Amino acid sequence: MKFIALLFIGLITMTSFTTSNKINSVVKLELPEGNVDQNGWGSWKTTDCFRGLDFRVKRKKSSYSTKTEWLVQFRNRYNNKIYFNFEIVPYSQRSAIRKSQRTTNRTDLNANTTERNSHYRYLEESNTVYVHVNRVRFNKDGSQPYSNCD
């Protein structure tokens, strides 16, 4: 009887300090939940319009807020520096952002490089996110019209 009680207490103690291995990976664009790396980043995805511009997202739950922090990191596979606008929105707003083309963030990225830092946005959405990229220029920003999709 003591052995069963001791076993029961041991199991309760072990399970109370064990973390769940359930991975709630992020969803980017219209893709199902997928792989995340050891740092929590999702796999690289190509933007809707530019085949040489990739991004990946990461979701960070906040213990002090009801919102979720979404991070995005870009990778430029073009041989030219790229300048572009982007917006991070809940996946449910993807049609609205595509229609309005309203983006409030602008960044640039040297040729054949990956950003060291990431961009972030806090959203009520905790399961899916959409990254919209537009107003893309190559080479010197402002010296040429925006590029069309390739």
N, C-alpha and C. Protein backbone atom coordinates (compact mmCIF):
# COMPACT_ATOMS: atom_id res chain seq x y z
N MET A 1 0.82 -1.19 0.00
CA MET A 1 0.00 0.00 0.00
C MET A 1 0.87 1.26 0.00
N LYS A 2 1.95 1.25 0.81
CA LYS A 2 2.85 2.40 0.84
C LYS A 2 3.50 2.58 -0.53
N PHE A 3 3.82 1.46 -1.19
CA PHE A 3 4.45 1.52 -2.49
C PHE A 3 3.53 2.20 -3.52
N ILE A 4 2.27 1.88 -3.52
CA ILE A 4 1.31 2.47 -4.46
C ILE A 4 1.14 3.96 -4.17
N ALA A 5 1.06 4.31 -2.90
CA ALA A 5 0.94 5.73 -2.53
C ALA A 5 2.18 6.49 -2.95
N LEU A 6 3.36 5.92 -2.73
CA LEU A 6 4.62 6.56 -3.12
C LEU A 6 4.71 6.69 -4.64
N LEU A 7 4.28 5.67 -5.36
CA LEU A 7 4.27 5.71 -6.81
C LEU A 7 3.33 6.79 -7.31
N PHE A 8 2.17 6.89 -6.72
CA PHE A 8 1.18 7.89 -7.10
C PHE A 8 1.72 9.30 -6.86
N ILE A 9 2.32 9.55 -5.73
CA ILE A 9 2.90 10.86 -5.41
C ILE A 9 4.04 11.17 -6.38
N GLY A 10 4.85 10.19 -6.70
CA GLY A 10 5.95 10.38 -7.65
C GLY A 10 5.45 10.76 -9.03
N LEU A 11 4.40 10.10 -9.50
CA LEU A 11 3.84 10.42 -10.81
C LEU A 11 3.26 11.82 -10.85
N ILE A 12 2.56 12.21 -9.80
CA ILE A 12 1.98 13.55 -9.73
C ILE A 12 3.10 14.59 -9.74
N THR A 13 4.15 14.35 -8.98
CA THR A 13 5.27 15.28 -8.91
C THR A 13 5.95 15.41 -10.27
N MET A 14 6.18 14.29 -10.95
CA MET A 14 6.84 14.31 -12.25
C MET A 14 6.01 15.03 -13.30
N THR A 15 4.72 14.80 -13.32
CA THR A 15 3.88 15.43 -14.34
C THR A 15 3.67 16.91 -14.07
N SER A 16 3.77 17.34 -12.84
CA SER A 16 3.58 18.76 -12.56
C SER A 16 4.76 19.59 -13.00
N PHE A 17 5.93 18.99 -13.19
CA PHE A 17 7.11 19.73 -13.64
C PHE A 17 7.50 19.41 -15.08
N THR A 18 6.69 18.65 -15.76
CA THR A 18 6.97 18.29 -17.15
C THR A 18 6.25 19.27 -18.06
N THR A 19 6.97 19.82 -19.05
CA THR A 19 6.34 20.73 -20.00
C THR A 19 5.77 19.94 -21.15
N SER A 20 4.75 20.49 -21.74
CA SER A 20 4.12 19.85 -22.88
C SER A 20 4.98 20.05 -24.11
N ASN A 21 5.08 19.04 -24.95
CA ASN A 21 5.82 19.14 -26.19
C ASN A 21 4.95 19.56 -27.35
N LYS A 22 3.71 19.94 -27.08
CA LYS A 22 2.82 20.36 -28.13
C LYS A 22 3.35 21.66 -28.74
N ILE A 23 3.52 21.67 -30.06
CA ILE A 23 4.02 22.84 -30.74
C ILE A 23 2.86 23.50 -31.48
N ASN A 24 2.59 24.74 -31.12
CA ASN A 24 1.58 25.50 -31.83
C ASN A 24 2.30 26.38 -32.82
N SER A 25 2.57 25.85 -33.98
CA SER A 25 3.34 26.60 -34.96
C SER A 25 2.47 27.66 -35.62
N VAL A 26 3.12 28.58 -36.28
CA VAL A 26 2.41 29.67 -36.91
C VAL A 26 1.94 29.27 -38.29
N VAL A 27 0.94 29.98 -38.74
CA VAL A 27 0.44 29.76 -40.08
C VAL A 27 0.70 31.03 -40.87
N LYS A 28 1.33 30.90 -42.01
CA LYS A 28 1.66 32.03 -42.85
C LYS A 28 0.91 31.90 -44.16
N LEU A 29 0.39 32.98 -44.64
CA LEU A 29 -0.41 33.00 -45.85
C LEU A 29 -1.52 31.96 -45.74
N GLU A 30 -1.64 31.08 -46.71
CA GLU A 30 -2.75 30.13 -46.69
C GLU A 30 -2.24 28.71 -46.47
N LEU A 31 -1.19 28.58 -45.73
CA LEU A 31 -0.59 27.27 -45.52
C LEU A 31 -1.00 26.70 -44.17
N PRO A 32 -1.14 25.40 -44.05
CA PRO A 32 -1.49 24.80 -42.76
C PRO A 32 -0.32 24.91 -41.79
N GLU A 33 -0.61 24.72 -40.53
CA GLU A 33 0.45 24.76 -39.53
C GLU A 33 1.55 23.81 -39.93
N GLY A 34 2.80 24.27 -39.76
CA GLY A 34 3.90 23.48 -40.26
C GLY A 34 5.05 23.42 -39.29
N ASN A 35 6.22 23.20 -39.84
CA ASN A 35 7.42 23.01 -39.05
C ASN A 35 7.91 24.32 -38.44
N VAL A 36 8.48 24.21 -37.27
CA VAL A 36 9.16 25.33 -36.63
C VAL A 36 10.55 24.85 -36.26
N ASP A 37 11.51 25.78 -36.30
CA ASP A 37 12.87 25.39 -35.94
C ASP A 37 13.06 25.46 -34.43
N GLN A 38 14.27 25.21 -33.96
CA GLN A 38 14.54 25.15 -32.53
C GLN A 38 14.32 26.50 -31.84
N ASN A 39 14.30 27.60 -32.62
CA ASN A 39 14.06 28.92 -32.04
C ASN A 39 12.61 29.37 -32.17
N GLY A 40 11.77 28.51 -32.70
CA GLY A 40 10.36 28.82 -32.82
C GLY A 40 9.95 29.46 -34.13
N TRP A 41 10.88 29.65 -35.07
CA TRP A 41 10.56 30.24 -36.36
C TRP A 41 9.91 29.21 -37.26
N GLY A 42 8.91 29.64 -38.01
CA GLY A 42 8.30 28.79 -39.02
C GLY A 42 9.23 28.68 -40.22
N SER A 43 8.87 27.85 -41.16
CA SER A 43 9.70 27.68 -42.35
C SER A 43 9.60 28.92 -43.24
N TRP A 44 10.60 29.09 -44.09
CA TRP A 44 10.63 30.21 -45.02
C TRP A 44 9.53 30.05 -46.06
N LYS A 45 8.84 31.15 -46.36
CA LYS A 45 7.80 31.18 -47.38
C LYS A 45 8.09 32.34 -48.32
N THR A 46 7.82 32.14 -49.59
CA THR A 46 8.00 33.20 -50.57
C THR A 46 6.78 34.11 -50.55
N THR A 47 7.01 35.41 -50.72
CA THR A 47 5.89 36.35 -50.73
C THR A 47 4.97 36.07 -51.91
N ASP A 48 3.77 36.61 -51.86
CA ASP A 48 2.77 36.40 -52.91
C ASP A 48 3.26 36.83 -54.28
N CYS A 49 4.08 37.86 -54.33
CA CYS A 49 4.36 38.53 -55.58
C CYS A 49 5.82 38.46 -56.04
N PHE A 50 6.75 38.38 -55.12
CA PHE A 50 8.17 38.46 -55.47
C PHE A 50 8.88 37.17 -55.09
N ARG A 51 9.32 36.44 -56.11
CA ARG A 51 9.88 35.10 -55.91
C ARG A 51 11.20 35.10 -55.14
N GLY A 52 11.91 36.22 -55.12
CA GLY A 52 13.19 36.27 -54.42
C GLY A 52 13.13 36.87 -53.04
N LEU A 53 11.94 37.18 -52.56
CA LEU A 53 11.77 37.75 -51.22
C LEU A 53 10.99 36.76 -50.37
N ASP A 54 11.63 36.26 -49.35
CA ASP A 54 11.03 35.27 -48.46
C ASP A 54 10.83 35.87 -47.07
N PHE A 55 9.99 35.23 -46.30
CA PHE A 55 9.80 35.62 -44.91
C PHE A 55 9.47 34.39 -44.08
N ARG A 56 9.64 34.54 -42.80
CA ARG A 56 9.18 33.52 -41.86
C ARG A 56 8.63 34.25 -40.64
N VAL A 57 7.75 33.59 -39.93
CA VAL A 57 7.13 34.22 -38.77
C VAL A 57 7.32 33.37 -37.52
N LYS A 58 7.15 34.03 -36.41
CA LYS A 58 7.29 33.39 -35.11
C LYS A 58 6.21 33.97 -34.20
N ARG A 59 5.62 33.13 -33.41
CA ARG A 59 4.59 33.57 -32.48
C ARG A 59 5.12 33.49 -31.07
N LYS A 60 4.90 34.56 -30.31
CA LYS A 60 5.32 34.58 -28.92
C LYS A 60 4.12 34.94 -28.05
N LYS A 61 3.74 34.02 -27.20
CA LYS A 61 2.65 34.29 -26.26
C LYS A 61 3.16 35.20 -25.16
N SER A 62 2.32 36.10 -24.74
CA SER A 62 2.69 37.02 -23.67
C SER A 62 2.00 36.60 -22.38
N SER A 63 2.75 36.60 -21.30
CA SER A 63 2.16 36.23 -20.01
C SER A 63 1.45 37.41 -19.36
N TYR A 64 1.69 38.61 -19.85
CA TYR A 64 1.09 39.79 -19.24
C TYR A 64 0.04 40.47 -20.14
N SER A 65 -0.22 39.92 -21.30
CA SER A 65 -1.18 40.53 -22.22
C SER A 65 -2.03 39.44 -22.86
N THR A 66 -3.21 39.83 -23.30
CA THR A 66 -4.07 38.88 -24.02
C THR A 66 -3.68 38.80 -25.49
N LYS A 67 -2.86 39.72 -25.95
CA LYS A 67 -2.45 39.73 -27.35
C LYS A 67 -1.24 38.82 -27.56
N THR A 68 -1.07 38.43 -28.81
CA THR A 68 0.05 37.59 -29.21
C THR A 68 1.05 38.44 -29.98
N GLU A 69 2.32 38.27 -29.69
CA GLU A 69 3.34 38.99 -30.44
C GLU A 69 3.74 38.14 -31.63
N TRP A 70 3.61 38.70 -32.82
CA TRP A 70 4.00 38.05 -34.06
C TRP A 70 5.26 38.72 -34.57
N LEU A 71 6.28 37.94 -34.86
CA LEU A 71 7.53 38.46 -35.40
C LEU A 71 7.68 37.98 -36.83
N VAL A 72 8.25 38.82 -37.68
CA VAL A 72 8.52 38.44 -39.06
C VAL A 72 9.96 38.80 -39.39
N GLN A 73 10.59 37.94 -40.15
CA GLN A 73 11.97 38.14 -40.59
C GLN A 73 12.00 37.90 -42.10
N PHE A 74 12.71 38.77 -42.82
CA PHE A 74 12.76 38.69 -44.28
C PHE A 74 14.13 38.20 -44.75
N ARG A 75 14.11 37.59 -45.93
CA ARG A 75 15.33 37.11 -46.58
C ARG A 75 15.26 37.54 -48.06
N ASN A 76 16.33 38.19 -48.53
CA ASN A 76 16.42 38.67 -49.91
C ASN A 76 17.31 37.73 -50.71
N ARG A 77 16.75 37.04 -51.69
CA ARG A 77 17.52 36.15 -52.55
C ARG A 77 17.83 36.79 -53.90
N TYR A 78 17.46 38.07 -54.06
CA TYR A 78 17.78 38.80 -55.28
C TYR A 78 19.25 39.25 -55.22
N ASN A 79 19.79 39.58 -56.40
CA ASN A 79 21.17 40.07 -56.49
C ASN A 79 21.25 41.58 -56.33
N ASN A 80 20.14 42.22 -56.01
CA ASN A 80 20.08 43.67 -55.79
C ASN A 80 19.50 43.95 -54.41
N LYS A 81 19.84 45.10 -53.88
CA LYS A 81 19.20 45.56 -52.64
C LYS A 81 17.72 45.78 -52.94
N ILE A 82 16.87 45.51 -51.98
CA ILE A 82 15.44 45.63 -52.18
C ILE A 82 14.86 46.53 -51.08
N TYR A 83 13.92 47.37 -51.47
CA TYR A 83 13.19 48.26 -50.56
C TYR A 83 11.72 47.88 -50.68
N PHE A 84 11.02 47.74 -49.58
CA PHE A 84 9.63 47.32 -49.68
C PHE A 84 8.83 47.71 -48.44
N ASN A 85 7.52 47.77 -48.64
CA ASN A 85 6.57 47.98 -47.55
C ASN A 85 5.98 46.64 -47.17
N PHE A 86 5.54 46.54 -45.92
CA PHE A 86 4.89 45.31 -45.48
C PHE A 86 3.93 45.61 -44.35
N GLU A 87 3.05 44.66 -44.13
CA GLU A 87 2.09 44.75 -43.03
C GLU A 87 1.85 43.35 -42.48
N ILE A 88 1.71 43.25 -41.18
CA ILE A 88 1.39 41.99 -40.50
C ILE A 88 -0.03 42.14 -39.97
N VAL A 89 -0.93 41.29 -40.46
CA VAL A 89 -2.34 41.39 -40.07
C VAL A 89 -2.87 40.00 -39.72
N PRO A 90 -3.99 39.95 -38.99
CA PRO A 90 -4.63 38.64 -38.78
C PRO A 90 -5.00 38.03 -40.13
N TYR A 91 -4.93 36.75 -40.20
CA TYR A 91 -5.20 36.05 -41.46
C TYR A 91 -6.60 36.39 -41.99
N SER A 92 -7.53 36.63 -41.09
CA SER A 92 -8.90 36.95 -41.50
C SER A 92 -8.98 38.28 -42.25
N GLN A 93 -7.95 39.12 -42.16
CA GLN A 93 -7.94 40.43 -42.83
C GLN A 93 -7.12 40.42 -44.13
N ARG A 94 -6.71 39.26 -44.61
CA ARG A 94 -5.86 39.18 -45.79
C ARG A 94 -6.53 39.77 -47.02
N SER A 95 -7.82 39.55 -47.21
CA SER A 95 -8.52 40.11 -48.38
C SER A 95 -8.59 41.63 -48.30
N ALA A 96 -8.85 42.14 -47.12
CA ALA A 96 -8.94 43.60 -46.95
C ALA A 96 -7.60 44.28 -47.20
N ILE A 97 -6.51 43.69 -46.72
CA ILE A 97 -5.19 44.32 -46.92
C ILE A 97 -4.78 44.21 -48.38
N ARG A 98 -5.12 43.13 -49.03
CA ARG A 98 -4.82 43.00 -50.46
C ARG A 98 -5.58 44.05 -51.27
N LYS A 99 -6.83 44.29 -50.89
CA LYS A 99 -7.66 45.25 -51.61
C LYS A 99 -7.19 46.68 -51.34
N SER A 100 -6.93 47.02 -50.10
CA SER A 100 -6.56 48.40 -49.75
C SER A 100 -5.11 48.72 -50.08
N GLN A 101 -4.23 47.71 -50.04
CA GLN A 101 -2.79 47.90 -50.25
C GLN A 101 -2.19 48.88 -49.25
N ARG A 102 -2.85 49.08 -48.11
CA ARG A 102 -2.38 50.02 -47.09
C ARG A 102 -1.32 49.33 -46.23
N THR A 103 -0.09 49.77 -46.36
CA THR A 103 1.00 49.24 -45.56
C THR A 103 1.68 50.39 -44.83
N THR A 104 2.09 50.16 -43.60
CA THR A 104 2.66 51.24 -42.79
C THR A 104 4.11 50.99 -42.40
N ASN A 105 4.68 49.89 -42.80
CA ASN A 105 6.07 49.57 -42.45
C ASN A 105 6.91 49.53 -43.71
N ARG A 106 8.10 50.12 -43.66
CA ARG A 106 9.01 50.08 -44.80
C ARG A 106 10.39 49.66 -44.31
N THR A 107 11.03 48.81 -45.09
CA THR A 107 12.37 48.36 -44.73
C THR A 107 13.16 48.11 -46.01
N ASP A 108 14.43 47.84 -45.86
CA ASP A 108 15.28 47.49 -46.99
C ASP A 108 16.16 46.33 -46.58
N LEU A 109 16.67 45.65 -47.57
CA LEU A 109 17.47 44.47 -47.31
C LEU A 109 18.50 44.31 -48.42
N ASN A 110 19.75 44.22 -48.04
CA ASN A 110 20.83 44.06 -49.02
C ASN A 110 20.67 42.78 -49.81
N ALA A 111 21.34 42.74 -50.95
CA ALA A 111 21.27 41.58 -51.84
C ALA A 111 21.76 40.31 -51.13
N ASN A 112 21.06 39.23 -51.36
CA ASN A 112 21.43 37.90 -50.85
C ASN A 112 21.74 37.88 -49.36
N THR A 113 20.86 38.48 -48.58
CA THR A 113 21.04 38.49 -47.12
C THR A 113 19.74 38.17 -46.42
N THR A 114 19.89 37.81 -45.16
CA THR A 114 18.76 37.58 -44.25
C THR A 114 18.84 38.61 -43.14
N GLU A 115 17.71 39.16 -42.77
CA GLU A 115 17.70 40.13 -41.68
C GLU A 115 18.21 39.52 -40.39
N ARG A 116 18.98 40.27 -39.67
CA ARG A 116 19.41 39.82 -38.34
C ARG A 116 18.32 40.06 -37.31
N ASN A 117 17.61 41.15 -37.48
CA ASN A 117 16.54 41.52 -36.56
C ASN A 117 15.20 41.08 -37.15
N SER A 118 14.17 41.27 -36.37
CA SER A 118 12.84 40.95 -36.84
C SER A 118 11.91 42.12 -36.57
N HIS A 119 10.79 42.14 -37.27
CA HIS A 119 9.75 43.14 -37.09
C HIS A 119 8.64 42.47 -36.30
N TYR A 120 7.88 43.24 -35.55
CA TYR A 120 6.85 42.61 -34.73
C TYR A 120 5.57 43.43 -34.73
N ARG A 121 4.50 42.73 -34.35
CA ARG A 121 3.20 43.36 -34.17
C ARG A 121 2.41 42.52 -33.18
N TYR A 122 1.72 43.20 -32.27
CA TYR A 122 0.84 42.53 -31.32
C TYR A 122 -0.56 42.46 -31.90
N LEU A 123 -1.13 41.26 -31.92
CA LEU A 123 -2.46 41.05 -32.48
C LEU A 123 -3.31 40.21 -31.54
N GLU A 124 -4.60 40.39 -31.63
CA GLU A 124 -5.53 39.54 -30.89
C GLU A 124 -5.46 38.11 -31.43
N GLU A 125 -5.16 37.99 -32.72
CA GLU A 125 -5.09 36.69 -33.39
C GLU A 125 -3.92 35.89 -32.83
N SER A 126 -4.21 34.67 -32.40
CA SER A 126 -3.15 33.85 -31.81
C SER A 126 -2.81 32.61 -32.62
N ASN A 127 -3.56 32.34 -33.69
CA ASN A 127 -3.32 31.11 -34.43
C ASN A 127 -2.79 31.31 -35.85
N THR A 128 -3.19 32.38 -36.50
CA THR A 128 -2.79 32.60 -37.88
C THR A 128 -2.42 34.06 -38.10
N VAL A 129 -1.60 34.29 -39.11
CA VAL A 129 -1.18 35.65 -39.44
C VAL A 129 -0.92 35.71 -40.94
N TYR A 130 -1.06 36.91 -41.49
CA TYR A 130 -0.80 37.12 -42.91
C TYR A 130 0.22 38.25 -43.04
N VAL A 131 1.23 38.05 -43.87
CA VAL A 131 2.25 39.06 -44.12
C VAL A 131 2.05 39.55 -45.55
N HIS A 132 1.77 40.84 -45.68
CA HIS A 132 1.53 41.44 -47.00
C HIS A 132 2.71 42.34 -47.35
N VAL A 133 3.25 42.16 -48.55
CA VAL A 133 4.38 42.96 -49.04
C VAL A 133 3.95 43.69 -50.30
N ASN A 134 4.28 44.99 -50.39
CA ASN A 134 4.01 45.75 -51.61
C ASN A 134 4.99 46.91 -51.71
N ARG A 135 4.83 47.72 -52.72
CA ARG A 135 5.67 48.89 -52.99
C ARG A 135 7.16 48.54 -52.96
N VAL A 136 7.52 47.64 -53.84
CA VAL A 136 8.88 47.11 -53.89
C VAL A 136 9.70 47.88 -54.93
N ARG A 137 10.92 48.22 -54.52
CA ARG A 137 11.89 48.83 -55.45
C ARG A 137 13.22 48.10 -55.29
N PHE A 138 13.95 48.05 -56.39
CA PHE A 138 15.30 47.48 -56.38
C PHE A 138 16.30 48.61 -56.57
N ASN A 139 17.50 48.42 -56.10
CA ASN A 139 18.56 49.42 -56.17
C ASN A 139 18.25 50.60 -55.25
N LYS A 140 18.30 51.82 -55.75
CA LYS A 140 18.15 53.00 -54.89
C LYS A 140 16.67 53.35 -54.71
N ASP A 141 16.25 53.45 -53.46
CA ASP A 141 14.86 53.75 -53.16
C ASP A 141 14.49 55.14 -53.67
N GLY A 142 13.36 55.26 -54.33
CA GLY A 142 12.86 56.53 -54.82
C GLY A 142 13.37 56.92 -56.20
N SER A 143 14.32 56.18 -56.74
CA SER A 143 14.91 56.54 -58.03
C SER A 143 14.20 55.87 -59.22
N GLN A 144 13.24 55.04 -58.94
CA GLN A 144 12.55 54.32 -60.00
C GLN A 144 11.14 54.00 -59.55
N PRO A 145 10.24 53.67 -60.47
CA PRO A 145 8.88 53.30 -60.06
C PRO A 145 8.90 51.99 -59.29
N TYR A 146 7.80 51.72 -58.61
CA TYR A 146 7.68 50.44 -57.91
C TYR A 146 7.68 49.30 -58.92
N SER A 147 8.23 48.18 -58.52
CA SER A 147 8.32 47.03 -59.41
C SER A 147 7.03 46.24 -59.45
N ASN A 148 6.79 45.62 -60.58
CA ASN A 148 5.64 44.73 -60.73
C ASN A 148 6.05 43.35 -60.22
N CYS A 149 5.08 42.51 -59.99
CA CYS A 149 5.36 41.14 -59.55
C CYS A 149 6.22 40.43 -60.58
N ASP A 150 7.04 39.51 -60.09
CA ASP A 150 7.82 38.72 -61.04
C ASP A 150 7.39 37.27 -61.05
